[in-house]
Amino acid sequence: MLYRSIELAAEPLLAACRAANHILLTTHINPDGDAIGSVVALGRTLRQMGKQVTMVAPTALPQVGFILADAPDVQVYASNPTLPASVDLIILLDTGNVSRIEPIHSQQEDYLEARPMMIIDHHATNDGEAGVNLVMTEAASTCEILALLFTAWNMPPDPETATALMLGLITDTQSFQTAHTSPRTLHVAGDLLACGGRLNEIVRAMLFNKPFEHARALGLSMDSLHREGPIIWTEFTQAMQQASGADDEASDEITAYINRIGGAKAYVLFKERRDGTVKISLRSIPGIDVGSVAQSLGGGGHREAAGATLQMSLAEARKIVLERLHALVG
C-alpha cells in the first residue's frame, strides 16, 4: 500500500508498529543528516512505545550526526555485518528504493524478504516497494514527515527527538534555502524549536566547525573547476585528498560551494574513491531534473540534488555524466 498523506497513513503505520515486537530501522548508503536524524527520531519514539529497536546505518555516520545523543546506538553494518534474527518489522527511512541500503540489500536478501517492510520517504524516485509506504514528495525532508506523523500519533517529541528531526530539516533544506522549503517546513521547524530542539548547536556543527583540512581540499578542487556552457564541474581526486589530509566528507562541502556559483544550470562533483569507484554529486537550478541522470546511472535523490556511485574510472565517469548533463540541459 502506498500512502501520500499523513491523514491516510497515520493509523495504518501506527498499527503496524504496534503489532511488531522488534523493529529494525535503517537508511541509505552514505547517510546524511536527514537519514540519521530520521533513524534516531523514530527509534526514540518507538522505544517510548515499548518496542525493542535496532538502528543500523549501512555505512559510517556523517560527523554532524554525532551531535545526537543516540548516535552511538546506531550500528554501522559495514563494520559488523549481522542483523538480529528476532526482528519482525523493517522500516526504511529516507530511502528512494530498497537497493539504496547497500551493502545490506545485496548481502541480506533472504533476511529482507522474510520480514514485513515499511518505507517512510520523500524522494520523487520512490514508487513504494514495501508492503506499507508513506512517500510525500512535497516534503522537504523525511524528518519533516516524521514530525507530522508523531503529531498525528499524539506523541510530541522530547528535546532529543526534536533535535534529531531538526537535523534532518536543516540538512535537506540546506538551512531552509532549497525550493522544497515550504510554509509547513518552517512551521514544523518552529514547533521543534519549541519542543527543545537544539537549532543553534546544529547550525554551529554544520556551518561553523569546518576542519582546516576541508578548506585545503576545497582549494585544491577549485584549481580543477571547469565551466562548459550551462554546466559547472570539478573533481576531488585521491591525490587531492591525500595532499589535503581531508576525510571523505570534504566532498560535501565542495559540492555545496560550486552550487553557489551563478550562471549555470547544472553542477557536478566527481569524487574519486579509494576503491577505484567514482561518486558523483549532482545539483541544479529549479526545473532541471538531475535526479533522472542519477537514477539512470543506478543512483537516486531529488530532482535538483542527487548522486550515484559509478564502477568506472574518473575519465570514463566524466565523459558519460557530462554527455548526459549536456543532453539534459540542451
C-alpha atoms as a PDB file:
ATOM      1  CA  MET A   1       0.000   0.000   0.000  1.00  0.00           C
ATOM      2  CA  LEU A   2       1.335   3.423  -0.992  1.00  0.00           C
ATOM      3  CA  TYR A   3       0.157   6.438   1.032  1.00  0.00           C
ATOM      4  CA  ARG A   4       0.809  10.045   0.052  1.00  0.00           C
ATOM      5  CA  SER A   5      -0.560  11.864   3.111  1.00  0.00           C
ATOM      6  CA  ILE A   6      -0.315  11.765   6.892  1.00  0.00           C
ATOM      7  CA  GLU A   7      -4.113  11.717   7.182  1.00  0.00           C
ATOM      8  CA  LEU A   8      -4.352   8.384   5.370  1.00  0.00           C
ATOM      9  CA  ALA A   9      -1.127   6.808   6.601  1.00  0.00           C
ATOM     10  CA  ALA A  10      -1.040   7.632  10.324  1.00  0.00           C
ATOM     11  CA  GLU A  11      -3.320   4.851  11.585  1.00  0.00           C
ATOM     12  CA  PRO A  12      -2.032   2.014   9.331  1.00  0.00           C
ATOM     13  CA  LEU A  13       1.590   2.856  10.147  1.00  0.00           C
ATOM     14  CA  LEU A  14       0.866   3.066  13.867  1.00  0.00           C
ATOM     15  CA  ALA A  15      -0.974  -0.260  13.759  1.00  0.00           C
ATOM     16  CA  ALA A  16       1.965  -1.942  12.014  1.00  0.00           C
ATOM     17  CA  CYS A  17       4.400  -0.587  14.602  1.00  0.00           C
ATOM     18  CA  ARG A  18       2.189  -1.638  17.495  1.00  0.00           C
ATOM     19  CA  ALA A  19       1.893  -5.169  16.084  1.00  0.00           C
ATOM     20  CA  ALA A  20       5.679  -5.612  15.960  1.00  0.00           C
ATOM     21  CA  ASN A  21       7.952  -6.508  18.864  1.00  0.00           C
ATOM     22  CA  HIS A  22      11.444  -5.920  17.473  1.00  0.00           C
ATOM     23  CA  ILE A  23      11.818  -3.235  14.788  1.00  0.00           C
ATOM     24  CA  LEU A  24      14.888  -2.708  12.616  1.00  0.00           C
ATOM     25  CA  LEU A  25      15.442   0.839  11.338  1.00  0.00           C
ATOM     26  CA  THR A  26      17.870   1.553   8.523  1.00  0.00           C
ATOM     27  CA  THR A  27      18.530   4.070   5.763  1.00  0.00           C
ATOM     28  CA  HIS A  28      20.510   4.674   2.591  1.00  0.00           C
ATOM     29  CA  ILE A  29      24.208   4.152   1.952  1.00  0.00           C
ATOM     30  CA  ASN A  30      26.449   7.087   2.929  1.00  0.00           C
ATOM     31  CA  PRO A  31      23.766   8.529   5.223  1.00  0.00           C
ATOM     32  CA  ASP A  32      23.335  12.273   5.625  1.00  0.00           C
ATOM     33  CA  GLY A  33      21.748  14.312   8.422  1.00  0.00           C
ATOM     34  CA  ASP A  34      18.194  13.572   7.303  1.00  0.00           C
ATOM     35  CA  ALA A  35      18.906   9.842   7.178  1.00  0.00           C
ATOM     36  CA  ILE A  36      20.460   9.646  10.644  1.00  0.00           C
ATOM     37  CA  GLY A  37      18.035  12.158  12.125  1.00  0.00           C
ATOM     38  CA  SER A  38      15.130  10.065  10.854  1.00  0.00           C
ATOM     39  CA  VAL A  39      16.521   6.820  12.229  1.00  0.00           C
ATOM     40  CA  VAL A  40      17.280   8.298  15.655  1.00  0.00           C
ATOM     41  CA  ALA A  41      13.971  10.193  15.945  1.00  0.00           C
ATOM     42  CA  LEU A  42      11.821   7.210  15.006  1.00  0.00           C
ATOM     43  CA  GLY A  43      13.949   4.900  17.144  1.00  0.00           C
ATOM     44  CA  ARG A  44      13.414   7.059  20.219  1.00  0.00           C
ATOM     45  CA  THR A  45       9.673   7.290  19.555  1.00  0.00           C
ATOM     46  CA  LEU A  46       9.265   3.545  19.066  1.00  0.00           C
ATOM     47  CA  ARG A  47      11.155   2.873  22.274  1.00  0.00           C
ATOM     48  CA  GLN A  48       8.740   5.191  24.079  1.00  0.00           C
ATOM     49  CA  MET A  49       6.029   2.848  22.763  1.00  0.00           C
ATOM     50  CA  GLY A  50       7.811  -0.036  24.477  1.00  0.00           C
ATOM     51  CA  LYS A  51       9.301  -1.570  21.340  1.00  0.00           C
ATOM     52  CA  GLN A  52      12.698  -3.189  21.002  1.00  0.00           C
ATOM     53  CA  VAL A  53      14.549  -1.190  18.357  1.00  0.00           C
ATOM     54  CA  THR A  54      17.756  -1.858  16.444  1.00  0.00           C
ATOM     55  CA  MET A  55      19.136   1.108  14.476  1.00  0.00           C
ATOM     56  CA  VAL A  56      21.553   0.308  11.645  1.00  0.00           C
ATOM     57  CA  ALA A  57      23.341   2.526   9.120  1.00  0.00           C
ATOM     58  CA  PRO A  58      24.691   0.690   6.065  1.00  0.00           C
ATOM     59  CA  THR A  59      27.929   2.713   6.181  1.00  0.00           C
ATOM     60  CA  ALA A  60      29.545   5.192   8.549  1.00  0.00           C
ATOM     61  CA  LEU A  61      27.586   8.084  10.020  1.00  0.00           C
ATOM     62  CA  PRO A  62      28.347  11.669   8.944  1.00  0.00           C
ATOM     63  CA  GLN A  63      30.314  13.624  11.523  1.00  0.00           C
ATOM     64  CA  VAL A  64      27.409  16.016  12.136  1.00  0.00           C
ATOM     65  CA  GLY A  65      25.295  13.053  13.247  1.00  0.00           C
ATOM     66  CA  PHE A  66      27.332  12.742  16.421  1.00  0.00           C
ATOM     67  CA  ILE A  67      25.704  15.820  17.927  1.00  0.00           C
ATOM     68  CA  LEU A  68      22.788  13.437  18.612  1.00  0.00           C
ATOM     69  CA  ALA A  69      22.934  11.697  21.970  1.00  0.00           C
ATOM     70  CA  ASP A  70      21.703   8.432  20.417  1.00  0.00           C
ATOM     71  CA  ALA A  71      24.285   8.347  17.605  1.00  0.00           C
ATOM     72  CA  PRO A  72      26.452   5.741  19.407  1.00  0.00           C
ATOM     73  CA  ASP A  73      23.426   3.410  19.414  1.00  0.00           C
ATOM     74  CA  VAL A  74      23.337   3.368  15.596  1.00  0.00           C
ATOM     75  CA  GLN A  75      25.272   0.313  14.455  1.00  0.00           C
ATOM     76  CA  VAL A  76      27.339   0.511  11.263  1.00  0.00           C
ATOM     77  CA  TYR A  77      26.553  -2.561   9.186  1.00  0.00           C
ATOM     78  CA  ALA A  78      29.746  -2.310   7.112  1.00  0.00           C
ATOM     79  CA  SER A  79      31.744  -2.763  10.341  1.00  0.00           C
ATOM     80  CA  ASN A  80      29.559  -5.562  11.734  1.00  0.00           C
ATOM     81  CA  PRO A  81      27.500  -7.313   9.005  1.00  0.00           C
ATOM     82  CA  THR A  82      24.937  -9.028  11.227  1.00  0.00           C
ATOM     83  CA  LEU A  83      21.244  -8.353  11.786  1.00  0.00           C
ATOM     84  CA  PRO A  84      19.107  -9.609  14.704  1.00  0.00           C
ATOM     85  CA  ALA A  85      17.090 -12.757  13.989  1.00  0.00           C
ATOM     86  CA  SER A  86      14.221 -11.630  16.245  1.00  0.00           C
ATOM     87  CA  VAL A  87      13.313  -8.606  14.081  1.00  0.00           C
ATOM     88  CA  ASP A  88       9.689  -8.797  12.896  1.00  0.00           C
ATOM     89  CA  LEU A  89       9.403  -5.414  11.103  1.00  0.00           C
ATOM     90  CA  ILE A  90      11.894  -3.472   8.977  1.00  0.00           C
ATOM     91  CA  ILE A  91      11.474   0.255   8.386  1.00  0.00           C
ATOM     92  CA  LEU A  92      13.494   2.033   5.704  1.00  0.00           C
ATOM     93  CA  LEU A  93      13.848   5.782   6.183  1.00  0.00           C
ATOM     94  CA  ASP A  94      14.858   8.463   3.682  1.00  0.00           C
ATOM     95  CA  THR A  95      15.439   5.744   1.090  1.00  0.00           C
ATOM     96  CA  GLY A  96      14.281   6.175  -2.510  1.00  0.00           C
ATOM     97  CA  ASN A  97      14.410   2.453  -3.264  1.00  0.00           C
ATOM     98  CA  VAL A  98      15.406  -0.700  -1.414  1.00  0.00           C
ATOM     99  CA  SER A  99      18.608  -1.143  -3.406  1.00  0.00           C
ATOM    100  CA  ARG A 100      19.916   2.068  -1.803  1.00  0.00           C
ATOM    101  CA  ILE A 101      20.596   0.333   1.526  1.00  0.00           C
ATOM    102  CA  GLU A 102      23.782  -1.261   0.214  1.00  0.00           C
ATOM    103  CA  PRO A 103      25.587  -3.364   1.282  1.00  0.00           C
ATOM    104  CA  ILE A 104      22.630  -4.685   3.307  1.00  0.00           C
ATOM    105  CA  HIS A 105      20.495  -5.082   0.180  1.00  0.00           C
ATOM    106  CA  SER A 106      22.863  -7.432  -1.648  1.00  0.00           C
ATOM    107  CA  GLN A 107      24.159  -9.326   1.388  1.00  0.00           C
ATOM    108  CA  GLN A 108      20.880  -9.817   3.282  1.00  0.00           C
ATOM    109  CA  GLU A 109      18.364 -10.501   0.500  1.00  0.00           C
ATOM    110  CA  ASP A 110      16.773 -13.507   2.228  1.00  0.00           C
ATOM    111  CA  TYR A 111      16.591 -11.641   5.542  1.00  0.00           C
ATOM    112  CA  LEU A 112      14.803  -8.698   3.951  1.00  0.00           C
ATOM    113  CA  GLU A 113      12.341 -10.845   2.014  1.00  0.00           C
ATOM    114  CA  ALA A 114      11.399 -12.867   5.114  1.00  0.00           C
ATOM    115  CA  ARG A 115      10.092  -9.857   7.068  1.00  0.00           C
ATOM    116  CA  PRO A 116       7.416  -7.209   6.542  1.00  0.00           C
ATOM    117  CA  MET A 117       8.840  -3.880   5.424  1.00  0.00           C
ATOM    118  CA  MET A 118       7.733  -0.264   5.703  1.00  0.00           C
ATOM    119  CA  ILE A 119       9.168   2.785   3.921  1.00  0.00           C
ATOM    120  CA  ILE A 120       8.896   6.433   5.005  1.00  0.00           C
ATOM    121  CA  ASP A 121      10.463   8.759   2.468  1.00  0.00           C
ATOM    122  CA  HIS A 122      10.229  11.963   0.411  1.00  0.00           C
ATOM    123  CA  HIS A 123      12.199  11.151  -2.770  1.00  0.00           C
ATOM    124  CA  ALA A 124      10.443  11.622  -6.108  1.00  0.00           C
ATOM    125  CA  THR A 125      12.051   8.406  -7.376  1.00  0.00           C
ATOM    126  CA  ASN A 126      10.280   6.305  -4.741  1.00  0.00           C
ATOM    127  CA  ASP A 127       7.461   4.162  -6.166  1.00  0.00           C
ATOM    128  CA  GLY A 128       6.732   2.241  -2.946  1.00  0.00           C
ATOM    129  CA  GLU A 129       8.459  -1.144  -2.878  1.00  0.00           C
ATOM    130  CA  ALA A 130       7.491  -2.108   0.674  1.00  0.00           C
ATOM    131  CA  GLY A 131       4.271  -3.590   1.962  1.00  0.00           C
ATOM    132  CA  VAL A 132       3.378  -0.237   3.552  1.00  0.00           C
ATOM    133  CA  ASN A 133       4.793   3.026   2.213  1.00  0.00           C
ATOM    134  CA  LEU A 134       4.437   6.673   3.149  1.00  0.00           C
ATOM    135  CA  VAL A 135       6.030   8.763   0.392  1.00  0.00           C
ATOM    136  CA  MET A 136       5.436  12.530   0.464  1.00  0.00           C
ATOM    137  CA  THR A 137       7.478  14.071  -2.320  1.00  0.00           C
ATOM    138  CA  GLU A 138       6.418  17.611  -1.446  1.00  0.00           C
ATOM    139  CA  ALA A 139       8.075  17.318   1.984  1.00  0.00           C
ATOM    140  CA  ALA A 140      11.458  18.997   2.366  1.00  0.00           C
ATOM    141  CA  SER A 141      12.867  16.052   4.323  1.00  0.00           C
ATOM    142  CA  THR A 142      11.928  12.716   5.817  1.00  0.00           C
ATOM    143  CA  CYS A 143      12.297  14.319   9.249  1.00  0.00           C
ATOM    144  CA  GLU A 144       9.515  16.744   8.308  1.00  0.00           C
ATOM    145  CA  ILE A 145       7.263  13.768   7.545  1.00  0.00           C
ATOM    146  CA  LEU A 146       8.120  12.114  10.859  1.00  0.00           C
ATOM    147  CA  ALA A 147       7.392  15.308  12.803  1.00  0.00           C
ATOM    148  CA  LEU A 148       3.934  15.416  11.222  1.00  0.00           C
ATOM    149  CA  LEU A 149       3.454  11.705  11.849  1.00  0.00           C
ATOM    150  CA  PHE A 150       4.343  11.999  15.539  1.00  0.00           C
ATOM    151  CA  THR A 151       1.799  14.797  15.886  1.00  0.00           C
ATOM    152  CA  ALA A 152      -0.858  12.590  14.303  1.00  0.00           C
ATOM    153  CA  TRP A 153       0.118   9.824  16.717  1.00  0.00           C
ATOM    154  CA  ASN A 154      -0.222  12.297  19.612  1.00  0.00           C
ATOM    155  CA  MET A 155       3.411  11.684  20.582  1.00  0.00           C
ATOM    156  CA  PRO A 156       5.105  15.103  20.758  1.00  0.00           C
ATOM    157  CA  PRO A 157       8.919  14.866  20.572  1.00  0.00           C
ATOM    158  CA  ASP A 158      11.124  15.354  23.599  1.00  0.00           C
ATOM    159  CA  PRO A 159      14.162  17.670  23.186  1.00  0.00           C
ATOM    160  CA  GLU A 160      16.479  14.917  21.914  1.00  0.00           C
ATOM    161  CA  THR A 161      13.942  13.661  19.378  1.00  0.00           C
ATOM    162  CA  ALA A 162      13.215  17.242  18.301  1.00  0.00           C
ATOM    163  CA  THR A 163      16.945  17.822  17.783  1.00  0.00           C
ATOM    164  CA  ALA A 164      17.213  14.724  15.599  1.00  0.00           C
ATOM    165  CA  LEU A 165      14.265  15.909  13.492  1.00  0.00           C
ATOM    166  CA  MET A 166      15.709  19.429  13.281  1.00  0.00           C
ATOM    167  CA  LEU A 167      18.980  17.976  11.975  1.00  0.00           C
ATOM    168  CA  GLY A 168      17.120  16.425   9.046  1.00  0.00           C
ATOM    169  CA  LEU A 169      15.284  19.651   8.248  1.00  0.00           C
ATOM    170  CA  ILE A 170      18.451  21.756   8.315  1.00  0.00           C
ATOM    171  CA  THR A 171      20.405  19.224   6.244  1.00  0.00           C
ATOM    172  CA  ASP A 172      17.946  18.634   3.420  1.00  0.00           C
ATOM    173  CA  THR A 173      16.824  22.251   3.071  1.00  0.00           C
ATOM    174  CA  GLN A 174      20.437  23.485   3.228  1.00  0.00           C
ATOM    175  CA  SER A 175      19.402  25.729   6.108  1.00  0.00           C
ATOM    176  CA  PHE A 176      15.990  26.495   4.553  1.00  0.00           C
ATOM    177  CA  GLN A 177      17.404  27.519   1.164  1.00  0.00           C
ATOM    178  CA  THR A 178      16.020  24.845  -1.179  1.00  0.00           C
ATOM    179  CA  ALA A 179      12.909  25.117  -3.339  1.00  0.00           C
ATOM    180  CA  HIS A 180      11.222  22.425  -1.223  1.00  0.00           C
ATOM    181  CA  THR A 181      11.235  24.670   1.845  1.00  0.00           C
ATOM    182  CA  SER A 182       7.548  25.429   2.393  1.00  0.00           C
ATOM    183  CA  PRO A 183       5.486  27.310   4.981  1.00  0.00           C
ATOM    184  CA  ARG A 184       4.776  23.906   6.531  1.00  0.00           C
ATOM    185  CA  THR A 185       8.504  23.192   6.766  1.00  0.00           C
ATOM    186  CA  LEU A 186       9.054  26.410   8.703  1.00  0.00           C
ATOM    187  CA  HIS A 187       6.062  25.710  10.954  1.00  0.00           C
ATOM    188  CA  VAL A 188       7.498  22.258  11.718  1.00  0.00           C
ATOM    189  CA  ALA A 189      10.888  23.807  12.490  1.00  0.00           C
ATOM    190  CA  GLY A 190       9.241  26.291  14.845  1.00  0.00           C
ATOM    191  CA  ASP A 191       7.380  23.518  16.636  1.00  0.00           C
ATOM    192  CA  LEU A 192      10.600  21.513  17.036  1.00  0.00           C
ATOM    193  CA  LEU A 193      12.362  24.562  18.426  1.00  0.00           C
ATOM    194  CA  ALA A 194       9.523  24.984  20.920  1.00  0.00           C
ATOM    195  CA  CYS A 195       9.961  21.320  21.939  1.00  0.00           C
ATOM    196  CA  GLY A 196      13.609  21.948  22.818  1.00  0.00           C
ATOM    197  CA  GLY A 197      15.321  21.157  19.524  1.00  0.00           C
ATOM    198  CA  ARG A 198      18.908  22.457  19.621  1.00  0.00           C
ATOM    199  CA  LEU A 199      18.910  24.519  16.429  1.00  0.00           C
ATOM    200  CA  ASN A 200      21.965  26.613  17.284  1.00  0.00           C
ATOM    201  CA  GLU A 201      24.057  23.541  18.057  1.00  0.00           C
ATOM    202  CA  ILE A 202      23.131  22.007  14.682  1.00  0.00           C
ATOM    203  CA  VAL A 203      23.926  25.202  12.783  1.00  0.00           C
ATOM    204  CA  ARG A 204      27.261  25.581  14.562  1.00  0.00           C
ATOM    205  CA  ALA A 205      28.201  21.964  13.836  1.00  0.00           C
ATOM    206  CA  MET A 206      27.217  22.206  10.166  1.00  0.00           C
ATOM    207  CA  LEU A 207      28.416  25.683   9.201  1.00  0.00           C
ATOM    208  CA  PHE A 208      30.967  26.977  11.694  1.00  0.00           C
ATOM    209  CA  ASN A 209      33.073  23.977  12.618  1.00  0.00           C
ATOM    210  CA  LYS A 210      34.790  23.014   9.356  1.00  0.00           C
ATOM    211  CA  PRO A 211      38.121  21.171   9.624  1.00  0.00           C
ATOM    212  CA  PHE A 212      41.183  23.007   8.324  1.00  0.00           C
ATOM    213  CA  GLU A 213      41.831  20.051   6.007  1.00  0.00           C
ATOM    214  CA  HIS A 214      38.454  20.588   4.338  1.00  0.00           C
ATOM    215  CA  ALA A 215      39.460  24.141   3.451  1.00  0.00           C
ATOM    216  CA  ARG A 216      42.651  22.827   1.849  1.00  0.00           C
ATOM    217  CA  ALA A 217      40.622  20.239  -0.082  1.00  0.00           C
ATOM    218  CA  LEU A 218      38.293  22.947  -1.367  1.00  0.00           C
ATOM    219  CA  GLY A 219      41.241  24.992  -2.589  1.00  0.00           C
ATOM    220  CA  LEU A 220      42.749  22.054  -4.464  1.00  0.00           C
ATOM    221  CA  SER A 221      39.418  21.165  -6.022  1.00  0.00           C
ATOM    222  CA  MET A 222      38.838  24.755  -7.177  1.00  0.00           C
ATOM    223  CA  ASP A 223      42.060  24.542  -9.222  1.00  0.00           C
ATOM    224  CA  SER A 224      40.206  21.942 -11.329  1.00  0.00           C
ATOM    225  CA  LEU A 225      36.995  23.965 -11.701  1.00  0.00           C
ATOM    226  CA  HIS A 226      35.548  23.897 -15.225  1.00  0.00           C
ATOM    227  CA  ARG A 227      32.659  25.545 -16.998  1.00  0.00           C
ATOM    228  CA  GLU A 228      31.119  24.001 -20.091  1.00  0.00           C
ATOM    229  CA  GLY A 229      28.308  26.304 -21.141  1.00  0.00           C
ATOM    230  CA  PRO A 230      25.462  25.757 -18.650  1.00  0.00           C
ATOM    231  CA  ILE A 231      27.411  23.148 -16.649  1.00  0.00           C
ATOM    232  CA  ILE A 232      29.975  23.747 -13.906  1.00  0.00           C
ATOM    233  CA  TRP A 233      32.017  20.814 -12.694  1.00  0.00           C
ATOM    234  CA  THR A 234      35.113  19.904 -10.743  1.00  0.00           C
ATOM    235  CA  GLU A 235      36.732  16.850  -9.242  1.00  0.00           C
ATOM    236  CA  PHE A 236      38.233  15.663  -5.987  1.00  0.00           C
ATOM    237  CA  THR A 237      40.855  13.041  -6.699  1.00  0.00           C
ATOM    238  CA  GLN A 238      42.632  10.669  -4.359  1.00  0.00           C
ATOM    239  CA  ALA A 239      45.800  12.713  -4.866  1.00  0.00           C
ATOM    240  CA  MET A 240      43.953  15.858  -3.726  1.00  0.00           C
ATOM    241  CA  GLN A 241      42.550  14.059  -0.709  1.00  0.00           C
ATOM    242  CA  GLN A 242      45.957  12.785   0.345  1.00  0.00           C
ATOM    243  CA  ALA A 243      47.578  16.183  -0.201  1.00  0.00           C
ATOM    244  CA  SER A 244      44.938  17.962   1.882  1.00  0.00           C
ATOM    245  CA  GLY A 245      44.631  15.316   4.588  1.00  0.00           C
ATOM    246  CA  ALA A 246      40.833  15.639   4.389  1.00  0.00           C
ATOM    247  CA  ASP A 247      38.317  12.884   5.019  1.00  0.00           C
ATOM    248  CA  ASP A 248      35.564  11.814   2.601  1.00  0.00           C
ATOM    249  CA  GLU A 249      33.092  14.363   3.958  1.00  0.00           C
ATOM    250  CA  ALA A 250      35.142  17.188   2.414  1.00  0.00           C
ATOM    251  CA  SER A 251      33.463  16.396  -0.918  1.00  0.00           C
ATOM    252  CA  ASP A 252      30.092  17.504   0.510  1.00  0.00           C
ATOM    253  CA  GLU A 253      31.464  20.974   1.144  1.00  0.00           C
ATOM    254  CA  ILE A 254      32.939  21.155  -2.360  1.00  0.00           C
ATOM    255  CA  THR A 255      29.535  20.276  -3.819  1.00  0.00           C
ATOM    256  CA  ALA A 256      27.820  22.916  -1.683  1.00  0.00           C
ATOM    257  CA  TYR A 257      30.347  25.559  -2.742  1.00  0.00           C
ATOM    258  CA  ILE A 258      30.121  25.051  -6.515  1.00  0.00           C
ATOM    259  CA  ASN A 259      26.320  25.023  -6.261  1.00  0.00           C
ATOM    260  CA  ARG A 260      26.518  28.660  -5.114  1.00  0.00           C
ATOM    261  CA  ILE A 261      28.153  29.793  -8.369  1.00  0.00           C
ATOM    262  CA  GLY A 262      25.677  31.690 -10.515  1.00  0.00           C
ATOM    263  CA  GLY A 263      25.004  31.475 -14.216  1.00  0.00           C
ATOM    264  CA  ALA A 264      24.850  27.692 -14.628  1.00  0.00           C
ATOM    265  CA  LYS A 265      22.005  25.190 -14.815  1.00  0.00           C
ATOM    266  CA  ALA A 266      23.724  22.062 -13.546  1.00  0.00           C
ATOM    267  CA  TYR A 267      26.683  21.306 -11.283  1.00  0.00           C
ATOM    268  CA  VAL A 268      28.627  18.099 -10.725  1.00  0.00           C
ATOM    269  CA  LEU A 269      31.454  16.962  -8.489  1.00  0.00           C
ATOM    270  CA  PHE A 270      33.403  13.835  -9.414  1.00  0.00           C
ATOM    271  CA  LYS A 271      34.830  12.241  -6.265  1.00  0.00           C
ATOM    272  CA  GLU A 272      37.452   9.557  -6.855  1.00  0.00           C
ATOM    273  CA  ARG A 273      37.274   6.901  -4.147  1.00  0.00           C
ATOM    274  CA  ARG A 274      39.942   4.638  -2.726  1.00  0.00           C
ATOM    275  CA  ASP A 275      38.265   1.521  -4.140  1.00  0.00           C
ATOM    276  CA  GLY A 276      38.500   2.857  -7.689  1.00  0.00           C
ATOM    277  CA  THR A 277      34.850   3.885  -7.978  1.00  0.00           C
ATOM    278  CA  VAL A 278      33.655   7.436  -8.607  1.00  0.00           C
ATOM    279  CA  LYS A 279      30.934   9.158  -6.616  1.00  0.00           C
ATOM    280  CA  ILE A 280      29.075  11.877  -8.499  1.00  0.00           C
ATOM    281  CA  SER A 281      27.167  14.623  -6.700  1.00  0.00           C
ATOM    282  CA  LEU A 282      24.682  16.479  -8.908  1.00  0.00           C
ATOM    283  CA  ARG A 283      22.930  19.785  -8.262  1.00  0.00           C
ATOM    284  CA  SER A 284      20.772  22.005 -10.476  1.00  0.00           C
ATOM    285  CA  ILE A 285      18.574  25.064 -10.638  1.00  0.00           C
ATOM    286  CA  PRO A 286      14.772  24.570 -10.349  1.00  0.00           C
ATOM    287  CA  GLY A 287      13.323  22.938 -13.440  1.00  0.00           C
ATOM    288  CA  ILE A 288      16.416  20.853 -14.285  1.00  0.00           C
ATOM    289  CA  ASP A 289      15.943  17.227 -13.211  1.00  0.00           C
ATOM    290  CA  VAL A 290      19.423  15.933 -12.433  1.00  0.00           C
ATOM    291  CA  GLY A 291      17.743  13.229 -10.365  1.00  0.00           C
ATOM    292  CA  SER A 292      16.848  11.495 -13.633  1.00  0.00           C
ATOM    293  CA  VAL A 293      20.524  11.418 -14.611  1.00  0.00           C
ATOM    294  CA  ALA A 294      21.498   9.934 -11.249  1.00  0.00           C
ATOM    295  CA  GLN A 295      18.736   7.343 -11.490  1.00  0.00           C
ATOM    296  CA  SER A 296      19.828   6.323 -14.999  1.00  0.00           C
ATOM    297  CA  LEU A 297      23.268   5.600 -13.534  1.00  0.00           C
ATOM    298  CA  GLY A 298      21.985   3.488 -10.660  1.00  0.00           C
ATOM    299  CA  GLY A 299      21.758   6.271  -8.087  1.00  0.00           C
ATOM    300  CA  GLY A 300      18.947   8.392  -6.760  1.00  0.00           C
ATOM    301  CA  GLY A 301      17.933  11.522  -4.934  1.00  0.00           C
ATOM    302  CA  HIS A 302      15.838  14.555  -5.768  1.00  0.00           C
ATOM    303  CA  ARG A 303      15.176  16.495  -8.951  1.00  0.00           C
ATOM    304  CA  GLU A 304      17.672  19.189  -8.014  1.00  0.00           C
ATOM    305  CA  ALA A 305      20.064  17.240  -5.760  1.00  0.00           C
ATOM    306  CA  ALA A 306      21.094  13.664  -6.500  1.00  0.00           C
ATOM    307  CA  GLY A 307      24.043  11.316  -6.716  1.00  0.00           C
ATOM    308  CA  ALA A 308      25.353   7.939  -7.773  1.00  0.00           C
ATOM    309  CA  THR A 309      28.402   5.700  -7.423  1.00  0.00           C
ATOM    310  CA  LEU A 310      29.935   4.604 -10.733  1.00  0.00           C
ATOM    311  CA  GLN A 311      32.037   1.481 -11.197  1.00  0.00           C
ATOM    312  CA  MET A 312      34.466   3.082 -13.645  1.00  0.00           C
ATOM    313  CA  SER A 313      37.485   5.347 -13.896  1.00  0.00           C
ATOM    314  CA  LEU A 314      37.367   9.081 -13.320  1.00  0.00           C
ATOM    315  CA  ALA A 315      37.884   9.773 -17.026  1.00  0.00           C
ATOM    316  CA  GLU A 316      35.053   7.426 -18.032  1.00  0.00           C
ATOM    317  CA  ALA A 317      32.747   8.953 -15.435  1.00  0.00           C
ATOM    318  CA  ARG A 318      33.417  12.488 -16.668  1.00  0.00           C
ATOM    319  CA  LYS A 319      32.660  11.517 -20.261  1.00  0.00           C
ATOM    320  CA  ILE A 320      29.392   9.701 -19.540  1.00  0.00           C
ATOM    321  CA  VAL A 321      27.995  12.111 -16.952  1.00  0.00           C
ATOM    322  CA  LEU A 322      28.827  15.300 -18.847  1.00  0.00           C
ATOM    323  CA  GLU A 323      27.297  13.898 -22.052  1.00  0.00           C
ATOM    324  CA  ARG A 324      24.057  13.143 -20.193  1.00  0.00           C
ATOM    325  CA  LEU A 325      24.001  16.518 -18.488  1.00  0.00           C
ATOM    326  CA  HIS A 326      24.527  18.336 -21.782  1.00  0.00           C
ATOM    327  CA  ALA A 327      21.668  16.346 -23.281  1.00  0.00           C
ATOM    328  CA  LEU A 328      19.526  17.263 -20.261  1.00  0.00           C
ATOM    329  CA  VAL A 329      20.176  21.000 -20.233  1.00  0.00           C
ATOM    330  CA  GLY A 330      20.458  21.410 -24.021  1.00  0.00           C
END
